């Protein structure tokens, strides 16, 4: 297997991901979440990635394995925000 980056490849940071599902594919929409007020969250989406259901399941498996290894090495990850500047509720 040979892996290479295309000329337009670039890295991006995301602290928000939304998952959209259809019969044919999964779409992961990545963005940046910020809060200028305690009761307001702004999300600026910057990448949408479409995956087949098979690739989505493979990604889920790989992420699960890597998260388990991460938590074993560094401790349990909490999903709820710890900052009082961020609204309470589920993390997307």
C-alpha atoms as a PDB file:
ATOM      1  CA  UNK A   1       0.000   0.000   0.000  1.00  0.00           C
ATOM      2  CA  UNK A   2       1.304   3.457  -0.886  1.00  0.00           C
ATOM      3  CA  UNK A   3      -0.214   6.478   0.854  1.00  0.00           C
ATOM      4  CA  UNK A   4       0.338  10.015  -0.377  1.00  0.00           C
ATOM      5  CA  UNK A   5      -1.333  13.397   0.009  1.00  0.00           C
ATOM      6  CA  UNK A   6      -3.026  15.125  -2.906  1.00  0.00           C
ATOM      7  CA  UNK A   7      -1.789  18.632  -3.802  1.00  0.00           C
ATOM      8  CA  UNK A   8      -4.804  20.217  -2.058  1.00  0.00           C
ATOM      9  CA  UNK A   9      -4.411  18.194   1.184  1.00  0.00           C
ATOM     10  CA  UNK A  10      -4.403  20.163   4.443  1.00  0.00           C
ATOM     11  CA  UNK A  11      -4.963  19.570   8.148  1.00  0.00           C
ATOM     12  CA  UNK A  12      -7.761  21.290  10.031  1.00  0.00           C
ATOM     13  CA  UNK A  13      -8.858  21.401  13.675  1.00  0.00           C
ATOM     14  CA  UNK A  14     -12.465  20.688  14.677  1.00  0.00           C
ATOM     15  CA  UNK A  15     -14.099  20.757  18.098  1.00  0.00           C
ATOM     16  CA  UNK A  16     -17.555  20.091  16.653  1.00  0.00           C
ATOM     17  CA  UNK A  17     -18.792  17.240  14.484  1.00  0.00           C
ATOM     18  CA  UNK A  18     -22.308  16.605  13.281  1.00  0.00           C
ATOM     19  CA  UNK A  19     -23.359  13.266  11.796  1.00  0.00           C
ATOM     20  CA  UNK A  20     -25.976  13.084   9.073  1.00  0.00           C
ATOM     21  CA  UNK A  21     -27.188   9.696   7.867  1.00  0.00           C
ATOM     22  CA  UNK A  22     -29.032   8.522   4.788  1.00  0.00           C
ATOM     23  CA  UNK A  23     -29.691   5.100   3.314  1.00  0.00           C
ATOM     24  CA  UNK A  24     -26.603   5.451   1.101  1.00  0.00           C
ATOM     25  CA  UNK A  25     -24.020   7.240   3.214  1.00  0.00           C
ATOM     26  CA  UNK A  26     -22.898   8.963   6.381  1.00  0.00           C
ATOM     27  CA  UNK A  27     -21.833  12.602   6.299  1.00  0.00           C
ATOM     28  CA  UNK A  28     -19.500  13.962   8.966  1.00  0.00           C
ATOM     29  CA  UNK A  29     -19.596  17.759   9.140  1.00  0.00           C
ATOM     30  CA  UNK A  30     -16.647  19.250  11.019  1.00  0.00           C
ATOM     31  CA  UNK A  31     -16.536  22.758  12.432  1.00  0.00           C
ATOM     32  CA  UNK A  32     -15.309  25.104  15.111  1.00  0.00           C
ATOM     33  CA  UNK A  33     -17.546  25.823  18.095  1.00  0.00           C
ATOM     34  CA  UNK A  34     -17.063  29.005  20.074  1.00  0.00           C
ATOM     35  CA  UNK A  35     -18.994  30.819  22.753  1.00  0.00           C
ATOM     36  CA  UNK A  36     -19.121  34.580  23.126  1.00  0.00           C
ATOM     37  CA  UNK A  37     -21.815  34.441  25.799  1.00  0.00           C
ATOM     38  CA  UNK A  38     -22.713  31.752  28.371  1.00  0.00           C
ATOM     39  CA  UNK A  39     -26.025  30.995  26.629  1.00  0.00           C
ATOM     40  CA  UNK A  40     -24.840  31.077  23.013  1.00  0.00           C
ATOM     41  CA  UNK A  41     -22.717  28.676  20.956  1.00  0.00           C
ATOM     42  CA  UNK A  42     -21.622  29.485  17.426  1.00  0.00           C
ATOM     43  CA  UNK A  43     -20.511  26.690  15.098  1.00  0.00           C
ATOM     44  CA  UNK A  44     -18.723  27.453  11.844  1.00  0.00           C
ATOM     45  CA  UNK A  45     -18.639  24.315   9.708  1.00  0.00           C
ATOM     46  CA  UNK A  46     -15.602  23.942   7.463  1.00  0.00           C
ATOM     47  CA  UNK A  47     -15.503  20.358   6.093  1.00  0.00           C
ATOM     48  CA  UNK A  48     -18.067  17.765   5.101  1.00  0.00           C
ATOM     49  CA  UNK A  49     -16.877  14.198   4.556  1.00  0.00           C
ATOM     50  CA  UNK A  50     -19.103  11.511   3.038  1.00  0.00           C
ATOM     51  CA  UNK A  51     -18.499   7.851   3.960  1.00  0.00           C
ATOM     52  CA  UNK A  52     -20.127   4.636   2.823  1.00  0.00           C
ATOM     53  CA  UNK A  53     -21.821   2.738   5.658  1.00  0.00           C
ATOM     54  CA  UNK A  54     -18.981   0.200   5.512  1.00  0.00           C
ATOM     55  CA  UNK A  55     -16.302   2.892   5.857  1.00  0.00           C
ATOM     56  CA  UNK A  56     -18.281   4.551   8.676  1.00  0.00           C
ATOM     57  CA  UNK A  57     -18.327   1.237  10.560  1.00  0.00           C
ATOM     58  CA  UNK A  58     -14.604   0.726   9.967  1.00  0.00           C
ATOM     59  CA  UNK A  59     -13.918   4.264  11.265  1.00  0.00           C
ATOM     60  CA  UNK A  60     -16.109   3.614  14.320  1.00  0.00           C
ATOM     61  CA  UNK A  61     -14.124   0.464  15.082  1.00  0.00           C
ATOM     62  CA  UNK A  62     -10.746   2.184  14.676  1.00  0.00           C
ATOM     63  CA  UNK A  63     -11.796   5.162  16.788  1.00  0.00           C
ATOM     64  CA  UNK A  64     -13.085   2.827  19.518  1.00  0.00           C
ATOM     65  CA  UNK A  65      -9.807   0.914  19.630  1.00  0.00           C
ATOM     66  CA  UNK A  66      -7.716   4.087  19.692  1.00  0.00           C
ATOM     67  CA  UNK A  67      -9.892   5.774  22.330  1.00  0.00           C
ATOM     68  CA  UNK A  68      -9.621   2.705  24.566  1.00  0.00           C
ATOM     69  CA  UNK A  69      -5.818   2.815  24.249  1.00  0.00           C
ATOM     70  CA  UNK A  70      -5.795   6.574  24.916  1.00  0.00           C
ATOM     71  CA  UNK A  71      -7.918   6.215  28.061  1.00  0.00           C
ATOM     72  CA  UNK A  72      -5.758   3.335  29.279  1.00  0.00           C
ATOM     73  CA  UNK A  73      -2.672   5.535  28.910  1.00  0.00           C
ATOM     74  CA  UNK A  74      -4.064   8.922  30.017  1.00  0.00           C
ATOM     75  CA  UNK A  75      -7.308   8.325  31.933  1.00  0.00           C
ATOM     76  CA  UNK A  76     -11.020   8.446  31.207  1.00  0.00           C
ATOM     77  CA  UNK A  77     -12.300  11.196  28.920  1.00  0.00           C
ATOM     78  CA  UNK A  78     -15.356  13.169  30.094  1.00  0.00           C
ATOM     79  CA  UNK A  79     -17.813  14.303  27.420  1.00  0.00           C
ATOM     80  CA  UNK A  80     -19.544  17.001  29.423  1.00  0.00           C
ATOM     81  CA  UNK A  81     -17.859  20.422  29.289  1.00  0.00           C
ATOM     82  CA  UNK A  82     -16.166  21.460  32.523  1.00  0.00           C
ATOM     83  CA  UNK A  83     -16.150  25.207  31.801  1.00  0.00           C
ATOM     84  CA  UNK A  84     -18.924  27.447  33.136  1.00  0.00           C
ATOM     85  CA  UNK A  85     -18.707  29.544  29.952  1.00  0.00           C
ATOM     86  CA  UNK A  86     -20.168  26.731  27.852  1.00  0.00           C
ATOM     87  CA  UNK A  87     -23.884  25.798  27.922  1.00  0.00           C
ATOM     88  CA  UNK A  88     -24.734  22.473  29.555  1.00  0.00           C
ATOM     89  CA  UNK A  89     -26.029  19.642  27.378  1.00  0.00           C
ATOM     90  CA  UNK A  90     -24.786  16.883  25.122  1.00  0.00           C
ATOM     91  CA  UNK A  91     -21.603  17.371  23.132  1.00  0.00           C
ATOM     92  CA  UNK A  92     -22.043  16.888  19.398  1.00  0.00           C
END
